[in-house]
Amino acid sequence: FEKQARYWLIEDSLAGDGQHDFAFRFHCAPGLDAGVTPDGIVRLCDKITGARLSIAALNEGGIPILEAGFVSTDYGAKQSSTIARWSERASVPLLRRWAIVPLRAHEDDAYAVELVAKLRATGEPSRK
């Protein structure tokens, strides 16, 4: 967690040899509105509070697909939810990175868009 810049960085480092088909998935909580921007940022919004999360692949990875899925928050319980999936065929070793940027209800989406653009270009946000 990068507290000052307000984002989480997730890194997946995959070892091995040869080409493989990869699918990277983020399972969302039930009841969230989900969408994908043209630049591949997944936007999640809580309908009640207006709080949002932006999830973005920082490496090449294409535009994610939103799929219908399920989550279980209790034994024997199953609720509909959304899964964001990035798929690719790639050689290993492979490093993939994602940023998860939280936004309060009153905050502008521009913060997440600008931060993701900086992270994609440099790997680090600019320090103010």
Protein backbone atom coordinates (compact mmCIF):
# COMPACT_ATOMS: atom_id res chain seq x y z
CA PHE A 1 0.00 0.00 0.00
CA GLU A 2 1.39 3.38 -1.02
CA LYS A 3 -0.21 5.60 1.63
CA GLN A 4 0.75 9.06 0.31
CA ALA A 5 -0.24 8.37 -3.29
CA ARG A 6 -3.26 6.31 -2.10
CA TYR A 7 -3.07 3.10 -4.08
CA TRP A 8 -2.26 -0.58 -3.70
CA LEU A 9 0.29 -2.21 -5.98
CA ILE A 10 -0.13 -5.90 -6.77
CA GLU A 11 2.68 -7.79 -8.50
CA ASP A 12 2.49 -11.30 -9.90
CA SER A 13 5.84 -12.86 -10.77
CA LEU A 14 5.50 -16.10 -12.72
CA ALA A 15 8.39 -18.48 -13.32
CA GLY A 16 8.86 -21.34 -15.74
CA ASP A 17 9.64 -21.92 -19.39
CA GLY A 18 7.80 -21.51 -22.63
CA GLN A 19 4.51 -19.96 -23.64
CA HIS A 20 1.41 -20.18 -21.49
CA ASP A 21 -2.17 -18.89 -21.45
CA PHE A 22 -2.73 -16.66 -18.44
CA ALA A 23 -5.94 -15.33 -16.92
CA PHE A 24 -5.72 -12.77 -14.12
CA ARG A 25 -8.99 -12.28 -12.25
CA PHE A 26 -10.32 -9.84 -9.68
CA HIS A 27 -13.53 -11.01 -7.98
CA CYS A 28 -15.79 -8.12 -6.95
CA ALA A 29 -18.13 -7.88 -3.99
CA PRO A 30 -21.81 -8.41 -4.79
CA GLY A 31 -23.92 -5.36 -5.59
CA LEU A 32 -21.21 -3.18 -7.11
CA ASP A 33 -21.65 -1.35 -10.40
CA ALA A 34 -18.78 -2.34 -12.71
CA GLY A 35 -17.52 -0.92 -15.98
CA VAL A 36 -14.39 -0.68 -18.11
CA THR A 37 -13.01 2.54 -19.57
CA PRO A 38 -11.57 2.67 -23.12
CA ASP A 39 -8.03 2.71 -21.63
CA GLY A 40 -8.69 -0.54 -19.74
CA ILE A 41 -9.37 0.72 -16.22
CA VAL A 42 -11.99 -1.27 -14.33
CA ARG A 43 -14.24 1.04 -12.32
CA LEU A 44 -16.24 -0.30 -9.40
CA CYS A 45 -18.82 1.76 -7.52
CA ASP A 46 -20.75 1.06 -4.34
CA LYS A 47 -24.36 2.03 -5.11
CA ILE A 48 -25.09 3.04 -1.51
CA THR A 49 -22.02 5.04 -0.44
CA GLY A 50 -20.69 6.15 -3.83
CA ALA A 51 -17.20 4.91 -2.88
CA ARG A 52 -15.24 3.65 -5.89
CA LEU A 53 -12.23 1.54 -6.83
CA SER A 54 -10.26 1.74 -10.04
CA ILE A 55 -8.28 -1.36 -11.00
CA ALA A 56 -5.71 -1.05 -13.79
CA ALA A 57 -3.13 -3.34 -15.34
CA LEU A 58 0.16 -1.45 -15.43
CA ASN A 59 1.87 -3.76 -17.94
CA GLU A 60 0.59 -4.64 -21.35
CA GLY A 61 -2.43 -6.77 -20.85
CA GLY A 62 -5.16 -5.46 -23.05
CA ILE A 63 -8.67 -4.49 -22.12
CA PRO A 64 -10.22 -6.58 -19.35
CA ILE A 65 -13.46 -8.49 -19.79
CA LEU A 66 -16.23 -8.31 -17.19
CA GLU A 67 -17.79 -11.70 -16.51
CA ALA A 68 -20.72 -12.79 -14.41
CA GLY A 69 -19.63 -14.80 -11.40
CA PHE A 70 -20.40 -15.67 -7.82
CA VAL A 71 -18.91 -15.08 -4.39
CA SER A 72 -19.56 -16.80 -1.10
CA THR A 73 -19.48 -14.67 2.04
CA ASP A 74 -20.80 -17.46 4.26
CA TYR A 75 -20.83 -21.24 4.24
CA GLY A 76 -23.38 -22.49 1.73
CA ALA A 77 -24.20 -18.96 0.52
CA LYS A 78 -23.73 -17.90 -3.08
CA GLN A 79 -24.27 -14.37 -4.42
CA SER A 80 -24.00 -13.00 -7.96
CA SER A 81 -21.01 -10.76 -8.57
CA THR A 82 -18.70 -9.53 -11.30
CA ILE A 83 -15.24 -10.79 -12.22
CA ALA A 84 -12.74 -8.60 -14.08
CA ARG A 85 -10.46 -10.80 -16.21
CA TRP A 86 -7.31 -10.00 -18.15
CA SER A 87 -6.16 -12.80 -20.49
CA GLU A 88 -3.01 -13.21 -22.52
CA ARG A 89 -0.63 -15.72 -24.03
CA ALA A 90 2.93 -14.94 -22.94
CA SER A 91 6.34 -16.43 -22.26
CA VAL A 92 7.63 -16.92 -18.76
CA PRO A 93 9.27 -15.61 -16.71
CA LEU A 94 6.56 -12.94 -16.58
CA LEU A 95 5.89 -9.99 -14.28
CA ARG A 96 2.46 -8.36 -14.22
CA ARG A 97 1.45 -5.39 -12.07
CA TRP A 98 -1.89 -3.81 -11.14
CA ALA A 99 -2.83 -0.65 -9.29
CA ILE A 100 -5.96 -0.45 -7.17
CA VAL A 101 -6.97 3.14 -6.49
CA PRO A 102 -9.73 3.94 -3.97
CA LEU A 103 -11.85 7.06 -4.42
CA ARG A 104 -14.32 8.63 -2.01
CA ALA A 105 -17.80 9.49 -3.23
CA HIS A 106 -16.95 13.18 -3.69
CA GLU A 107 -13.60 12.67 -5.43
CA ASP A 108 -13.10 13.14 -9.16
CA ASP A 109 -12.18 10.07 -11.27
CA ALA A 110 -9.41 12.18 -12.83
CA TYR A 111 -7.12 11.41 -9.87
CA ALA A 112 -7.19 7.67 -10.60
CA VAL A 113 -6.81 8.19 -14.36
CA GLU A 114 -3.77 10.46 -13.91
CA LEU A 115 -2.16 8.18 -11.32
CA VAL A 116 -2.60 5.10 -13.53
CA ALA A 117 -1.12 6.96 -16.51
CA LYS A 118 1.95 7.92 -14.43
CA LEU A 119 2.38 4.39 -13.10
CA ARG A 120 2.09 2.92 -16.59
CA ALA A 121 4.65 5.37 -17.99
CA THR A 122 7.20 5.31 -15.15
CA GLY A 123 6.30 2.63 -12.66
CA GLU A 124 6.18 5.28 -9.92
CA PRO A 125 3.82 8.17 -9.17
CA SER A 126 5.34 11.64 -9.12
CA ARG A 127 5.92 12.88 -5.59
CA LYS A 128 4.40 16.24 -4.75
